Amino acid sequence: MPDITPPDLASLRVEIDRIDDSLHDLLMRRADIVAHMAASRVKGGAATFRPGREALILRRLLARHQGALPRAALFRLWREVIASSLAQQGNFAVAAVQGEGNADSASVRLARAHFGLLTPLKLQATTNRALASVASGEAAVAVLPAPQDGEKPEAAWWTQMETPRLRIVAGLPFLAPPEPNGAAEAVLAAPEAYAVAALVPDATGRDRSLLRIEPEPEQSRARIAAALTGVGLPPRWMIRRDAPTPMALVEVEGFLAEEDPRLAGLPFPRLQILGAYAEPEPEE
């Protein structure tokens, strides 16, 4: 009968140390390549922050992942690796709205979780100040709370967002839990926050776009939804406010470009694409 005695603890620790050294060697090699890219300017004038590219990297790794390591642990590790790469390529800071007292707001927690613990975080008193820090170049990206129906005018940052210079480029968290709706097919929770940056988002193949619509006063939610559905853009959700100017925020499936012919057929005085983000991946 063959010997099936398990390896002793010392041997297992030696194997773990060998694996750790190999992982460390690869991480150092990756950092060397990023440093070479930054020094040689091989990227030209291209943006260093590419949230669409980041989403594709994470999707590829999550798709091939198996074994005992939780998906959340893999995601956390690679978010820190990506954040360190951004830091290597230039000054990269994130703006977020501070919470009341000493407590972190949800946006601050999401910013730290997504952009890494070592990325400089610039806390702002209001969403408008966070947007202004991106517009001025003080921060590369602002993490802002997801809009809500009935929110106070000063919290409705999407109504004040300067387009096309600033765009929504990511939804957070990217690794999302399912909605507790009891449905047979899991539905991922909606983003808790959005990342806004001074760049044009990249399509990833599975995206959602956000539109800011200024309808006529008599165009209700139902009429807005019917018009969008009629051109093949049924809303996933909608927020509408009436004062001081009628305005609606709508999310639709897919990546919308400015030249999309469906937009030309919509009966609204004004419509702007606020941006797009990669659909989240399931936590489990």
C-alpha atoms as a PDB file:
ATOM      1  CA  MET A   1       0.000   0.000   0.000  1.00  0.00           C
ATOM      2  CA  PRO A   2       1.498   3.402  -0.996  1.00  0.00           C
ATOM      3  CA  ASP A   3       2.585   5.815   1.687  1.00  0.00           C
ATOM      4  CA  ILE A   4      -0.096   8.543   2.004  1.00  0.00           C
ATOM      5  CA  THR A   5       1.332  10.250   5.073  1.00  0.00           C
ATOM      6  CA  PRO A   6       0.627  13.998   4.737  1.00  0.00           C
ATOM      7  CA  PRO A   7       3.611  16.363   4.499  1.00  0.00           C
ATOM      8  CA  ASP A   8       4.830  17.690   7.811  1.00  0.00           C
ATOM      9  CA  LEU A   9       4.178  21.286   8.834  1.00  0.00           C
ATOM     10  CA  ALA A  10       7.750  22.376   8.195  1.00  0.00           C
ATOM     11  CA  SER A  11       7.594  21.171   4.579  1.00  0.00           C
ATOM     12  CA  LEU A  12       4.322  23.000   3.982  1.00  0.00           C
ATOM     13  CA  ARG A  13       5.796  26.205   5.346  1.00  0.00           C
ATOM     14  CA  VAL A  14       8.810  25.850   3.056  1.00  0.00           C
ATOM     15  CA  GLU A  15       6.443  25.500   0.085  1.00  0.00           C
ATOM     16  CA  ILE A  16       4.450  28.565   1.160  1.00  0.00           C
ATOM     17  CA  ASP A  17       7.676  30.580   1.481  1.00  0.00           C
ATOM     18  CA  ARG A  18       8.717  29.502  -2.026  1.00  0.00           C
ATOM     19  CA  ILE A  19       5.343  30.593  -3.420  1.00  0.00           C
ATOM     20  CA  ASP A  20       5.567  33.914  -1.570  1.00  0.00           C
ATOM     21  CA  ASP A  21       8.983  34.584  -3.107  1.00  0.00           C
ATOM     22  CA  SER A  22       7.639  33.797  -6.586  1.00  0.00           C
ATOM     23  CA  LEU A  23       4.664  36.120  -6.087  1.00  0.00           C
ATOM     24  CA  HIS A  24       6.966  38.856  -4.823  1.00  0.00           C
ATOM     25  CA  ASP A  25       9.278  38.451  -7.830  1.00  0.00           C
ATOM     26  CA  LEU A  26       6.328  38.835 -10.211  1.00  0.00           C
ATOM     27  CA  LEU A  27       4.973  41.889  -8.386  1.00  0.00           C
ATOM     28  CA  MET A  28       8.390  43.553  -8.557  1.00  0.00           C
ATOM     29  CA  ARG A  29       8.616  42.717 -12.259  1.00  0.00           C
ATOM     30  CA  ARG A  30       5.183  44.227 -12.834  1.00  0.00           C
ATOM     31  CA  ALA A  31       6.208  47.407 -11.026  1.00  0.00           C
ATOM     32  CA  ASP A  32       9.378  47.607 -13.141  1.00  0.00           C
ATOM     33  CA  ILE A  33       7.302  47.446 -16.341  1.00  0.00           C
ATOM     34  CA  VAL A  34       4.959  50.186 -15.084  1.00  0.00           C
ATOM     35  CA  ALA A  35       7.976  52.332 -14.159  1.00  0.00           C
ATOM     36  CA  HIS A  36       9.413  51.803 -17.648  1.00  0.00           C
ATOM     37  CA  MET A  37       6.106  52.828 -19.230  1.00  0.00           C
ATOM     38  CA  ALA A  38       6.019  55.995 -17.141  1.00  0.00           C
ATOM     39  CA  ALA A  39       9.660  56.921 -17.807  1.00  0.00           C
ATOM     40  CA  SER A  40       9.619  56.196 -21.554  1.00  0.00           C
ATOM     41  CA  ARG A  41       6.285  57.948 -22.119  1.00  0.00           C
ATOM     42  CA  VAL A  42       5.281  54.975 -24.290  1.00  0.00           C
ATOM     43  CA  LYS A  43       1.655  55.843 -23.525  1.00  0.00           C
ATOM     44  CA  GLY A  44       2.078  59.292 -25.056  1.00  0.00           C
ATOM     45  CA  GLY A  45      -0.636  61.636 -23.863  1.00  0.00           C
ATOM     46  CA  ALA A  46      -3.029  58.838 -22.908  1.00  0.00           C
ATOM     47  CA  ALA A  47      -4.624  59.014 -19.487  1.00  0.00           C
ATOM     48  CA  THR A  48      -3.003  56.933 -16.768  1.00  0.00           C
ATOM     49  CA  PHE A  49      -6.366  56.319 -15.065  1.00  0.00           C
ATOM     50  CA  ARG A  50      -8.368  53.958 -17.283  1.00  0.00           C
ATOM     51  CA  PRO A  51     -11.316  52.576 -15.287  1.00  0.00           C
ATOM     52  CA  GLY A  52     -12.558  50.571 -18.277  1.00  0.00           C
ATOM     53  CA  ARG A  53      -9.181  48.873 -18.640  1.00  0.00           C
ATOM     54  CA  GLU A  54      -9.142  48.179 -14.894  1.00  0.00           C
ATOM     55  CA  ALA A  55     -12.589  46.578 -15.116  1.00  0.00           C
ATOM     56  CA  LEU A  56     -11.425  44.307 -17.947  1.00  0.00           C
ATOM     57  CA  ILE A  57      -8.368  43.204 -15.945  1.00  0.00           C
ATOM     58  CA  LEU A  58     -10.511  42.349 -12.932  1.00  0.00           C
ATOM     59  CA  ARG A  59     -13.163  40.570 -14.990  1.00  0.00           C
ATOM     60  CA  ARG A  60     -10.497  38.411 -16.656  1.00  0.00           C
ATOM     61  CA  LEU A  61      -8.949  37.430 -13.334  1.00  0.00           C
ATOM     62  CA  LEU A  62     -12.303  36.769 -11.659  1.00  0.00           C
ATOM     63  CA  ALA A  63     -13.398  34.627 -14.620  1.00  0.00           C
ATOM     64  CA  ARG A  64     -10.338  32.356 -14.319  1.00  0.00           C
ATOM     65  CA  HIS A  65     -10.368  32.270 -10.524  1.00  0.00           C
ATOM     66  CA  GLN A  66     -10.964  29.003  -8.702  1.00  0.00           C
ATOM     67  CA  GLY A  67     -10.057  27.308  -5.453  1.00  0.00           C
ATOM     68  CA  ALA A  68     -10.283  28.280  -1.810  1.00  0.00           C
ATOM     69  CA  LEU A  69      -9.190  31.927  -2.079  1.00  0.00           C
ATOM     70  CA  PRO A  70     -12.365  34.104  -1.888  1.00  0.00           C
ATOM     71  CA  ARG A  71     -13.133  36.326  -4.871  1.00  0.00           C
ATOM     72  CA  ALA A  72     -13.198  39.314  -2.520  1.00  0.00           C
ATOM     73  CA  ALA A  73      -9.602  38.599  -1.436  1.00  0.00           C
ATOM     74  CA  LEU A  74      -8.424  38.390  -5.055  1.00  0.00           C
ATOM     75  CA  PHE A  75     -10.233  41.628  -5.845  1.00  0.00           C
ATOM     76  CA  ARG A  76      -8.765  43.431  -2.810  1.00  0.00           C
ATOM     77  CA  LEU A  77      -5.242  42.321  -3.731  1.00  0.00           C
ATOM     78  CA  TRP A  78      -5.519  43.492  -7.328  1.00  0.00           C
ATOM     79  CA  ARG A  79      -7.128  46.801  -6.418  1.00  0.00           C
ATOM     80  CA  GLU A  80      -4.029  47.575  -4.324  1.00  0.00           C
ATOM     81  CA  VAL A  81      -1.758  46.483  -7.198  1.00  0.00           C
ATOM     82  CA  ILE A  82      -3.650  48.739  -9.629  1.00  0.00           C
ATOM     83  CA  ALA A  83      -3.579  51.640  -7.185  1.00  0.00           C
ATOM     84  CA  SER A  84       0.194  51.328  -6.789  1.00  0.00           C
ATOM     85  CA  SER A  85       0.564  51.375 -10.563  1.00  0.00           C
ATOM     86  CA  LEU A  86      -1.440  54.603 -10.780  1.00  0.00           C
ATOM     87  CA  ALA A  87       0.772  56.164  -8.110  1.00  0.00           C
ATOM     88  CA  GLN A  88       3.900  55.200 -10.086  1.00  0.00           C
ATOM     89  CA  GLN A  89       2.666  57.015 -13.188  1.00  0.00           C
ATOM     90  CA  GLY A  90       2.082  60.410 -11.590  1.00  0.00           C
ATOM     91  CA  ASN A  91       0.286  62.269  -8.853  1.00  0.00           C
ATOM     92  CA  PHE A  92      -3.021  60.526  -8.248  1.00  0.00           C
ATOM     93  CA  ALA A  93      -5.431  61.673  -5.563  1.00  0.00           C
ATOM     94  CA  VAL A  94      -9.104  60.979  -4.906  1.00  0.00           C
ATOM     95  CA  ALA A  95     -11.690  63.459  -3.608  1.00  0.00           C
ATOM     96  CA  ALA A  96     -14.614  62.330  -1.462  1.00  0.00           C
ATOM     97  CA  VAL A  97     -17.187  63.991   0.766  1.00  0.00           C
ATOM     98  CA  GLN A  98     -16.346  63.685   4.435  1.00  0.00           C
ATOM     99  CA  GLY A  99     -18.862  62.299   6.898  1.00  0.00           C
ATOM    100  CA  GLU A 100     -20.295  64.052   9.918  1.00  0.00           C
ATOM    101  CA  GLY A 101     -18.035  64.276  12.941  1.00  0.00           C
ATOM    102  CA  ASN A 102     -15.200  61.777  12.816  1.00  0.00           C
ATOM    103  CA  ALA A 103     -17.156  59.078  10.999  1.00  0.00           C
ATOM    104  CA  ASP A 104     -16.272  58.129   7.441  1.00  0.00           C
ATOM    105  CA  SER A 105     -19.033  58.559   4.891  1.00  0.00           C
ATOM    106  CA  ALA A 106     -19.984  55.661   2.623  1.00  0.00           C
ATOM    107  CA  SER A 107     -18.216  57.479  -0.242  1.00  0.00           C
ATOM    108  CA  VAL A 108     -14.995  57.698   1.772  1.00  0.00           C
ATOM    109  CA  ARG A 109     -15.122  53.985   2.627  1.00  0.00           C
ATOM    110  CA  LEU A 110     -15.778  53.057  -1.003  1.00  0.00           C
ATOM    111  CA  ALA A 111     -13.006  55.359  -2.222  1.00  0.00           C
ATOM    112  CA  ARG A 112     -10.488  53.730   0.105  1.00  0.00           C
ATOM    113  CA  ALA A 113     -11.654  50.228  -0.790  1.00  0.00           C
ATOM    114  CA  HIS A 114     -11.484  50.847  -4.555  1.00  0.00           C
ATOM    115  CA  PHE A 115      -8.444  53.103  -4.893  1.00  0.00           C
ATOM    116  CA  GLY A 116      -6.245  51.600  -2.207  1.00  0.00           C
ATOM    117  CA  LEU A 117      -5.281  52.495   1.323  1.00  0.00           C
ATOM    118  CA  LEU A 118      -2.167  54.443   0.261  1.00  0.00           C
ATOM    119  CA  THR A 119      -3.832  56.648  -2.372  1.00  0.00           C
ATOM    120  CA  PRO A 120      -4.093  60.248  -1.096  1.00  0.00           C
ATOM    121  CA  LEU A 121      -7.698  61.034  -0.178  1.00  0.00           C
ATOM    122  CA  LYS A 122      -8.796  64.667  -0.218  1.00  0.00           C
ATOM    123  CA  LEU A 123     -11.853  65.112   1.985  1.00  0.00           C
ATOM    124  CA  GLN A 124     -14.305  67.808   0.893  1.00  0.00           C
ATOM    125  CA  ALA A 125     -17.234  69.356   2.737  1.00  0.00           C
ATOM    126  CA  THR A 126     -19.693  69.097  -0.193  1.00  0.00           C
ATOM    127  CA  THR A 127     -20.167  67.210  -3.441  1.00  0.00           C
ATOM    128  CA  ASN A 128     -19.739  70.453  -5.402  1.00  0.00           C
ATOM    129  CA  ARG A 129     -16.338  70.998  -3.809  1.00  0.00           C
ATOM    130  CA  ALA A 130     -15.351  67.437  -4.653  1.00  0.00           C
ATOM    131  CA  LEU A 131     -16.316  68.046  -8.291  1.00  0.00           C
ATOM    132  CA  ALA A 132     -14.428  71.349  -8.285  1.00  0.00           C
ATOM    133  CA  SER A 133     -11.278  69.601  -7.049  1.00  0.00           C
ATOM    134  CA  VAL A 134     -11.384  67.347 -10.111  1.00  0.00           C
ATOM    135  CA  ALA A 135     -12.114  70.221 -12.483  1.00  0.00           C
ATOM    136  CA  SER A 136      -9.124  72.145 -11.091  1.00  0.00           C
ATOM    137  CA  GLY A 137      -6.771  69.156 -11.244  1.00  0.00           C
ATOM    138  CA  GLU A 138      -6.330  68.933  -7.469  1.00  0.00           C
ATOM    139  CA  ALA A 139      -7.745  65.397  -7.597  1.00  0.00           C
ATOM    140  CA  ALA A 140      -7.871  62.908 -10.456  1.00  0.00           C
ATOM    141  CA  VAL A 141     -11.260  61.511  -9.519  1.00  0.00           C
ATOM    142  CA  ALA A 142     -14.161  62.267  -7.175  1.00  0.00           C
ATOM    143  CA  VAL A 143     -16.193  59.531  -5.487  1.00  0.00           C
ATOM    144  CA  LEU A 144     -19.732  60.792  -4.969  1.00  0.00           C
ATOM    145  CA  PRO A 145     -22.797  59.151  -3.390  1.00  0.00           C
ATOM    146  CA  ALA A 146     -25.331  57.590  -5.735  1.00  0.00           C
ATOM    147  CA  PRO A 147     -28.199  60.039  -6.485  1.00  0.00           C
ATOM    148  CA  GLN A 148     -31.473  59.448  -4.680  1.00  0.00           C
ATOM    149  CA  ASP A 149     -35.054  60.483  -5.302  1.00  0.00           C
ATOM    150  CA  GLY A 150     -36.025  63.334  -3.005  1.00  0.00           C
ATOM    151  CA  GLU A 151     -32.473  64.344  -2.114  1.00  0.00           C
ATOM    152  CA  LYS A 152     -31.776  67.951  -1.158  1.00  0.00           C
ATOM    153  CA  PRO A 153     -30.820  70.270  -4.037  1.00  0.00           C
ATOM    154  CA  GLU A 154     -27.317  70.793  -2.642  1.00  0.00           C
ATOM    155  CA  ALA A 155     -26.756  67.018  -2.650  1.00  0.00           C
ATOM    156  CA  ALA A 156     -27.907  66.562  -6.272  1.00  0.00           C
ATOM    157  CA  TRP A 157     -24.403  66.792  -7.738  1.00  0.00           C
ATOM    158  CA  TRP A 158     -25.555  65.336 -11.056  1.00  0.00           C
ATOM    159  CA  THR A 159     -27.508  68.527 -11.769  1.00  0.00           C
ATOM    160  CA  GLN A 160     -24.363  70.669 -11.384  1.00  0.00           C
ATOM    161  CA  MET A 161     -21.901  68.370 -13.137  1.00  0.00           C
ATOM    162  CA  GLU A 162     -19.939  70.121 -15.866  1.00  0.00           C
ATOM    163  CA  THR A 163     -20.163  68.127 -19.091  1.00  0.00           C
ATOM    164  CA  PRO A 164     -18.588  67.048 -21.363  1.00  0.00           C
ATOM    165  CA  ARG A 165     -15.411  67.788 -19.417  1.00  0.00           C
ATOM    166  CA  LEU A 166     -16.370  65.734 -16.368  1.00  0.00           C
ATOM    167  CA  ARG A 167     -17.850  62.286 -16.824  1.00  0.00           C
ATOM    168  CA  ILE A 168     -19.051  59.418 -14.685  1.00  0.00           C
ATOM    169  CA  VAL A 169     -16.465  56.696 -15.326  1.00  0.00           C
ATOM    170  CA  ALA A 170     -17.080  53.997 -12.693  1.00  0.00           C
ATOM    171  CA  GLY A 171     -19.710  52.633 -10.334  1.00  0.00           C
ATOM    172  CA  LEU A 172     -18.709  51.482  -6.861  1.00  0.00           C
ATOM    173  CA  PRO A 173     -18.417  48.896  -5.527  1.00  0.00           C
ATOM    174  CA  PHE A 174     -17.285  46.954  -8.598  1.00  0.00           C
ATOM    175  CA  LEU A 175     -17.592  43.672  -6.707  1.00  0.00           C
ATOM    176  CA  ALA A 176     -21.235  43.826  -5.672  1.00  0.00           C
ATOM    177  CA  PRO A 177     -23.540  41.678  -3.537  1.00  0.00           C
ATOM    178  CA  PRO A 178     -26.908  40.517  -4.904  1.00  0.00           C
ATOM    179  CA  GLU A 179     -30.071  42.423  -4.112  1.00  0.00           C
ATOM    180  CA  PRO A 180     -32.072  40.683  -1.331  1.00  0.00           C
ATOM    181  CA  ASN A 181     -35.210  40.447  -3.466  1.00  0.00           C
ATOM    182  CA  GLY A 182     -35.776  36.707  -3.293  1.00  0.00           C
ATOM    183  CA  ALA A 183     -35.706  36.360  -7.094  1.00  0.00           C
ATOM    184  CA  ALA A 184     -34.581  33.104  -8.630  1.00  0.00           C
ATOM    185  CA  GLU A 185     -32.024  34.950 -10.766  1.00  0.00           C
ATOM    186  CA  ALA A 186     -29.564  37.062  -8.786  1.00  0.00           C
ATOM    187  CA  VAL A 187     -29.685  40.794  -9.446  1.00  0.00           C
ATOM    188  CA  LEU A 188     -26.623  42.783  -8.429  1.00  0.00           C
ATOM    189  CA  ALA A 189     -27.109  45.726  -6.134  1.00  0.00           C
ATOM    190  CA  ALA A 190     -27.020  49.170  -7.733  1.00  0.00           C
ATOM    191  CA  PRO A 191     -23.858  51.265  -7.214  1.00  0.00           C
ATOM    192  CA  GLU A 192     -23.575  53.030  -3.877  1.00  0.00           C
ATOM    193  CA  ALA A 193     -21.339  55.702  -5.405  1.00  0.00           C
ATOM    194  CA  TYR A 194     -19.996  56.903  -8.743  1.00  0.00           C
ATOM    195  CA  ALA A 195     -16.494  57.969  -9.732  1.00  0.00           C
ATOM    196  CA  VAL A 196     -16.292  61.200 -11.753  1.00  0.00           C
ATOM    197  CA  ALA A 197     -13.171  62.190 -13.689  1.00  0.00           C
ATOM    198  CA  ALA A 198     -12.053  64.527 -16.468  1.00  0.00           C
ATOM    199  CA  LEU A 199     -11.850  61.820 -19.108  1.00  0.00           C
ATOM    200  CA  VAL A 200     -14.002  59.922 -21.575  1.00  0.00           C
ATOM    201  CA  PRO A 201     -14.922  56.445 -20.265  1.00  0.00           C
ATOM    202  CA  ASP A 202     -13.959  53.326 -22.211  1.00  0.00           C
ATOM    203  CA  ALA A 203     -16.469  50.708 -23.306  1.00  0.00           C
ATOM    204  CA  THR A 204     -15.941  47.276 -21.721  1.00  0.00           C
ATOM    205  CA  GLY A 205     -18.605  45.223 -23.499  1.00  0.00           C
ATOM    206  CA  ARG A 206     -20.953  45.246 -20.497  1.00  0.00           C
ATOM    207  CA  ASP A 207     -21.727  48.786 -19.479  1.00  0.00           C
ATOM    208  CA  ARG A 208     -24.434  51.137 -18.266  1.00  0.00           C
ATOM    209  CA  SER A 209     -24.821  54.774 -19.301  1.00  0.00           C
ATOM    210  CA  LEU A 210     -26.332  57.737 -17.474  1.00  0.00           C
ATOM    211  CA  LEU A 211     -28.302  60.503 -19.186  1.00  0.00           C
ATOM    212  CA  ARG A 212     -29.263  63.903 -17.843  1.00  0.00           C
ATOM    213  CA  ILE A 213     -32.496  65.040 -19.454  1.00  0.00           C
ATOM    214  CA  GLU A 214     -34.131  68.457 -19.301  1.00  0.00           C
ATOM    215  CA  PRO A 215     -37.729  67.650 -20.302  1.00  0.00           C
ATOM    216  CA  GLU A 216     -40.658  69.918 -20.919  1.00  0.00           C
ATOM    217  CA  PRO A 217     -42.592  70.614 -17.680  1.00  0.00           C
ATOM    218  CA  GLU A 218     -45.487  68.455 -18.848  1.00  0.00           C
ATOM    219  CA  GLN A 219     -43.263  65.439 -19.634  1.00  0.00           C
ATOM    220  CA  SER A 220     -43.857  63.117 -16.684  1.00  0.00           C
ATOM    221  CA  ARG A 221     -41.718  60.165 -15.649  1.00  0.00           C
ATOM    222  CA  ALA A 222     -44.010  57.886 -17.628  1.00  0.00           C
ATOM    223  CA  ARG A 223     -43.687  59.989 -20.798  1.00  0.00           C
ATOM    224  CA  ILE A 224     -39.915  60.190 -20.439  1.00  0.00           C
ATOM    225  CA  ALA A 225     -39.701  56.419 -19.956  1.00  0.00           C
ATOM    226  CA  ALA A 226     -42.003  55.793 -22.937  1.00  0.00           C
ATOM    227  CA  ALA A 227     -39.916  58.029 -25.200  1.00  0.00           C
ATOM    228  CA  LEU A 228     -36.681  56.284 -24.217  1.00  0.00           C
ATOM    229  CA  THR A 229     -38.223  52.835 -24.569  1.00  0.00           C
ATOM    230  CA  GLY A 230     -39.541  53.809 -27.999  1.00  0.00           C
ATOM    231  CA  VAL A 231     -36.001  54.315 -29.340  1.00  0.00           C
ATOM    232  CA  GLY A 232     -34.639  51.163 -27.707  1.00  0.00           C
ATOM    233  CA  LEU A 233     -33.287  52.701 -24.486  1.00  0.00           C
ATOM    234  CA  PRO A 234     -35.616  51.487 -21.716  1.00  0.00           C
ATOM    235  CA  PRO A 235     -34.621  53.027 -18.372  1.00  0.00           C
ATOM    236  CA  ARG A 236     -33.177  50.814 -15.672  1.00  0.00           C
ATOM    237  CA  TRP A 237     -34.144  53.537 -13.183  1.00  0.00           C
ATOM    238  CA  MET A 238     -34.994  57.227 -13.186  1.00  0.00           C
ATOM    239  CA  ILE A 239     -34.830  60.220 -10.849  1.00  0.00           C
ATOM    240  CA  ARG A 240     -36.881  63.311 -11.656  1.00  0.00           C
ATOM    241  CA  ARG A 241     -36.902  66.736 -10.025  1.00  0.00           C
ATOM    242  CA  ASP A 242     -39.143  69.678 -10.911  1.00  0.00           C
ATOM    243  CA  ALA A 243     -37.459  72.707  -9.320  1.00  0.00           C
ATOM    244  CA  PRO A 244     -35.793  74.976 -10.054  1.00  0.00           C
ATOM    245  CA  THR A 245     -35.513  73.440 -13.549  1.00  0.00           C
ATOM    246  CA  PRO A 246     -37.239  70.209 -14.630  1.00  0.00           C
ATOM    247  CA  MET A 247     -34.521  67.592 -14.874  1.00  0.00           C
ATOM    248  CA  ALA A 248     -34.233  63.806 -14.918  1.00  0.00           C
ATOM    249  CA  LEU A 249     -31.371  61.367 -14.433  1.00  0.00           C
ATOM    250  CA  VAL A 250     -31.791  58.055 -16.248  1.00  0.00           C
ATOM    251  CA  GLU A 251     -29.666  54.923 -16.409  1.00  0.00           C
ATOM    252  CA  VAL A 252     -29.822  52.683 -19.493  1.00  0.00           C
ATOM    253  CA  GLU A 253     -28.090  49.486 -20.562  1.00  0.00           C
ATOM    254  CA  GLY A 254     -25.062  49.682 -22.835  1.00  0.00           C
ATOM    255  CA  PHE A 255     -22.368  52.198 -23.667  1.00  0.00           C
ATOM    256  CA  LEU A 256     -23.816  55.315 -25.299  1.00  0.00           C
ATOM    257  CA  ALA A 257     -21.684  57.492 -27.569  1.00  0.00           C
ATOM    258  CA  GLU A 258     -22.546  61.092 -28.454  1.00  0.00           C
ATOM    259  CA  GLU A 259     -23.236  60.122 -32.064  1.00  0.00           C
ATOM    260  CA  ASP A 260     -25.673  57.318 -31.196  1.00  0.00           C
ATOM    261  CA  PRO A 261     -28.560  57.820 -33.677  1.00  0.00           C
ATOM    262  CA  ARG A 262     -31.171  56.833 -31.087  1.00  0.00           C
ATOM    263  CA  LEU A 263     -30.536  60.037 -29.148  1.00  0.00           C
ATOM    264  CA  ALA A 264     -31.491  62.242 -32.094  1.00  0.00           C
ATOM    265  CA  GLY A 265     -35.041  60.897 -32.047  1.00  0.00           C
ATOM    266  CA  LEU A 266     -35.798  61.844 -28.448  1.00  0.00           C
ATOM    267  CA  PRO A 267     -38.298  64.695 -27.861  1.00  0.00           C
ATOM    268  CA  PHE A 268     -36.438  66.570 -25.124  1.00  0.00           C
ATOM    269  CA  PRO A 269     -35.192  70.174 -25.273  1.00  0.00           C
ATOM    270  CA  ARG A 270     -31.826  69.078 -23.883  1.00  0.00           C
ATOM    271  CA  LEU A 271     -30.092  65.762 -23.251  1.00  0.00           C
ATOM    272  CA  GLN A 272     -26.540  65.056 -22.112  1.00  0.00           C
ATOM    273  CA  ILE A 273     -24.608  61.837 -21.585  1.00  0.00           C
ATOM    274  CA  LEU A 274     -23.125  62.089 -18.093  1.00  0.00           C
ATOM    275  CA  GLY A 275     -20.938  59.052 -18.604  1.00  0.00           C
ATOM    276  CA  ALA A 276     -20.871  55.282 -18.390  1.00  0.00           C
ATOM    277  CA  TYR A 277     -19.484  52.596 -16.129  1.00  0.00           C
ATOM    278  CA  ALA A 278     -18.648  48.900 -16.297  1.00  0.00           C
ATOM    279  CA  GLU A 279     -21.342  46.620 -14.932  1.00  0.00           C
ATOM    280  CA  PRO A 280     -20.345  45.236 -11.520  1.00  0.00           C
ATOM    281  CA  GLU A 281     -19.220  41.668 -10.955  1.00  0.00           C
ATOM    282  CA  PRO A 282     -20.853  39.347  -8.384  1.00  0.00           C
ATOM    283  CA  GLU A 283     -19.192  39.089  -4.995  1.00  0.00           C
ATOM    284  CA  GLU A 284     -19.669  35.305  -4.942  1.00  0.00           C
END
